[in-house]
Amino acid sequence: MSNVDVMYFIKELSAKSAISIVVDTKINGKISGKLYHVSLEDGLKALLQANGFQVTKIKNSSCKIREMGMSNGDSQ
């Protein structure tokens, strides 16, 4: 994929998978990348981190996404 809106990508991925994705409201931008032979979790993390976003696993089937460098603010 090339130059895809990050919010569109996350919404589509969440709708088509069993992953609940919590997204920081300040997230915006485009993402690009190609992944081969990786799990959904590893691929999502690698793709988003390569494009400047941080992925935090909350529970087995959910994750939180925010821009790199933002303080967590959560007490988890």
C-alpha atoms as a PDB file:
ATOM      1  CA  MET A   1       0.000   0.000   0.000  1.00  0.00           C
ATOM      2  CA  SER A   2       1.184   3.502  -0.665  1.00  0.00           C
ATOM      3  CA  ASN A   3       0.132   6.812   0.858  1.00  0.00           C
ATOM      4  CA  VAL A   4      -3.067   5.537   2.510  1.00  0.00           C
ATOM      5  CA  ASP A   5      -4.838   7.671   5.127  1.00  0.00           C
ATOM      6  CA  VAL A   6      -3.949   6.122   8.499  1.00  0.00           C
ATOM      7  CA  MET A   7      -7.456   6.512   9.945  1.00  0.00           C
ATOM      8  CA  TYR A   8      -9.031   4.860   6.878  1.00  0.00           C
ATOM      9  CA  PHE A   9      -6.543   1.983   7.124  1.00  0.00           C
ATOM     10  CA  ILE A  10      -7.181   1.461  10.846  1.00  0.00           C
ATOM     11  CA  LYS A  11     -10.983   1.570  10.481  1.00  0.00           C
ATOM     12  CA  GLU A  12     -10.913  -0.907   7.587  1.00  0.00           C
ATOM     13  CA  LEU A  13      -8.520  -3.247   9.386  1.00  0.00           C
ATOM     14  CA  SER A  14     -10.588  -3.169  12.558  1.00  0.00           C
ATOM     15  CA  ALA A  15     -13.797  -3.860  10.626  1.00  0.00           C
ATOM     16  CA  LYS A  16     -12.246  -6.817   8.761  1.00  0.00           C
ATOM     17  CA  SER A  17     -10.423  -8.429  11.681  1.00  0.00           C
ATOM     18  CA  ALA A  18     -11.071  -9.495  15.242  1.00  0.00           C
ATOM     19  CA  ILE A  19      -8.922  -6.678  16.625  1.00  0.00           C
ATOM     20  CA  SER A  20     -10.406  -3.796  18.586  1.00  0.00           C
ATOM     21  CA  ILE A  21      -8.266  -0.740  17.852  1.00  0.00           C
ATOM     22  CA  VAL A  22      -8.316   2.329  20.095  1.00  0.00           C
ATOM     23  CA  VAL A  23      -6.924   5.332  18.233  1.00  0.00           C
ATOM     24  CA  ASP A  24      -5.728   8.583  19.763  1.00  0.00           C
ATOM     25  CA  THR A  25      -7.939  11.395  18.468  1.00  0.00           C
ATOM     26  CA  LYS A  26      -4.875  13.352  17.311  1.00  0.00           C
ATOM     27  CA  ILE A  27      -3.787  10.673  14.833  1.00  0.00           C
ATOM     28  CA  ASN A  28      -3.582  11.772  11.210  1.00  0.00           C
ATOM     29  CA  GLY A  29      -1.338  11.264   8.227  1.00  0.00           C
ATOM     30  CA  LYS A  30      -0.577   8.742   5.529  1.00  0.00           C
ATOM     31  CA  ILE A  31       1.105   5.353   5.738  1.00  0.00           C
ATOM     32  CA  SER A  32       2.945   3.262   3.175  1.00  0.00           C
ATOM     33  CA  GLY A  33       4.514  -0.172   3.278  1.00  0.00           C
ATOM     34  CA  LYS A  34       4.503  -3.804   2.209  1.00  0.00           C
ATOM     35  CA  LEU A  35       4.429  -6.820   4.476  1.00  0.00           C
ATOM     36  CA  TYR A  36       4.892 -10.489   3.656  1.00  0.00           C
ATOM     37  CA  HIS A  37       4.536 -13.628   5.770  1.00  0.00           C
ATOM     38  CA  VAL A  38       3.881 -11.951   9.137  1.00  0.00           C
ATOM     39  CA  SER A  39       1.079 -12.247  11.660  1.00  0.00           C
ATOM     40  CA  LEU A  40      -1.586  -9.548  11.739  1.00  0.00           C
ATOM     41  CA  GLU A  41      -0.298  -8.243  15.069  1.00  0.00           C
ATOM     42  CA  ASP A  42       3.357  -8.130  13.975  1.00  0.00           C
ATOM     43  CA  GLY A  43       2.465  -6.617  10.604  1.00  0.00           C
ATOM     44  CA  LEU A  44       0.276  -3.914  12.104  1.00  0.00           C
ATOM     45  CA  LYS A  45       2.946  -2.987  14.619  1.00  0.00           C
ATOM     46  CA  ALA A  46       5.764  -2.936  12.033  1.00  0.00           C
ATOM     47  CA  LEU A  47       3.782  -0.943   9.471  1.00  0.00           C
ATOM     48  CA  LEU A  48       2.548   1.682  11.892  1.00  0.00           C
ATOM     49  CA  GLN A  49       5.864   2.069  13.713  1.00  0.00           C
ATOM     50  CA  ALA A  50       7.707   2.475  10.402  1.00  0.00           C
ATOM     51  CA  ASN A  51       5.353   5.360   9.647  1.00  0.00           C
ATOM     52  CA  GLY A  52       5.793   7.158  12.985  1.00  0.00           C
ATOM     53  CA  PHE A  53       3.027   5.656  15.114  1.00  0.00           C
ATOM     54  CA  GLN A  54       3.227   3.748  18.383  1.00  0.00           C
ATOM     55  CA  VAL A  55       1.203   0.568  18.950  1.00  0.00           C
ATOM     56  CA  THR A  56       0.533  -0.635  22.485  1.00  0.00           C
ATOM     57  CA  LYS A  57      -1.104  -4.002  23.116  1.00  0.00           C
ATOM     58  CA  ILE A  58      -3.806  -3.657  25.728  1.00  0.00           C
ATOM     59  CA  LYS A  59      -5.323  -7.152  25.747  1.00  0.00           C
ATOM     60  CA  ASN A  60      -5.171 -10.213  23.491  1.00  0.00           C
ATOM     61  CA  SER A  61      -7.424  -8.811  20.771  1.00  0.00           C
ATOM     62  CA  SER A  62      -7.045  -5.061  21.162  1.00  0.00           C
ATOM     63  CA  CYS A  63      -4.419  -2.376  20.816  1.00  0.00           C
ATOM     64  CA  LYS A  64      -3.929   1.357  21.197  1.00  0.00           C
ATOM     65  CA  ILE A  65      -2.343   3.555  18.531  1.00  0.00           C
ATOM     66  CA  ARG A  66      -0.870   7.030  18.954  1.00  0.00           C
ATOM     67  CA  GLU A  67       1.834   9.150  17.367  1.00  0.00           C
ATOM     68  CA  MET A  68       5.402   8.427  18.434  1.00  0.00           C
ATOM     69  CA  GLY A  69       6.634  10.636  21.225  1.00  0.00           C
ATOM     70  CA  MET A  70       3.203  11.292  22.762  1.00  0.00           C
ATOM     71  CA  SER A  71       3.033  10.603  26.475  1.00  0.00           C
ATOM     72  CA  ASN A  72       0.888   7.642  27.379  1.00  0.00           C
ATOM     73  CA  GLY A  73      -1.263   9.262  30.043  1.00  0.00           C
ATOM     74  CA  ASP A  74      -2.715   5.837  30.853  1.00  0.00           C
ATOM     75  CA  SER A  75      -2.085   4.116  34.138  1.00  0.00           C
ATOM     76  CA  GLN A  76      -2.046   0.631  32.605  1.00  0.00           C
END
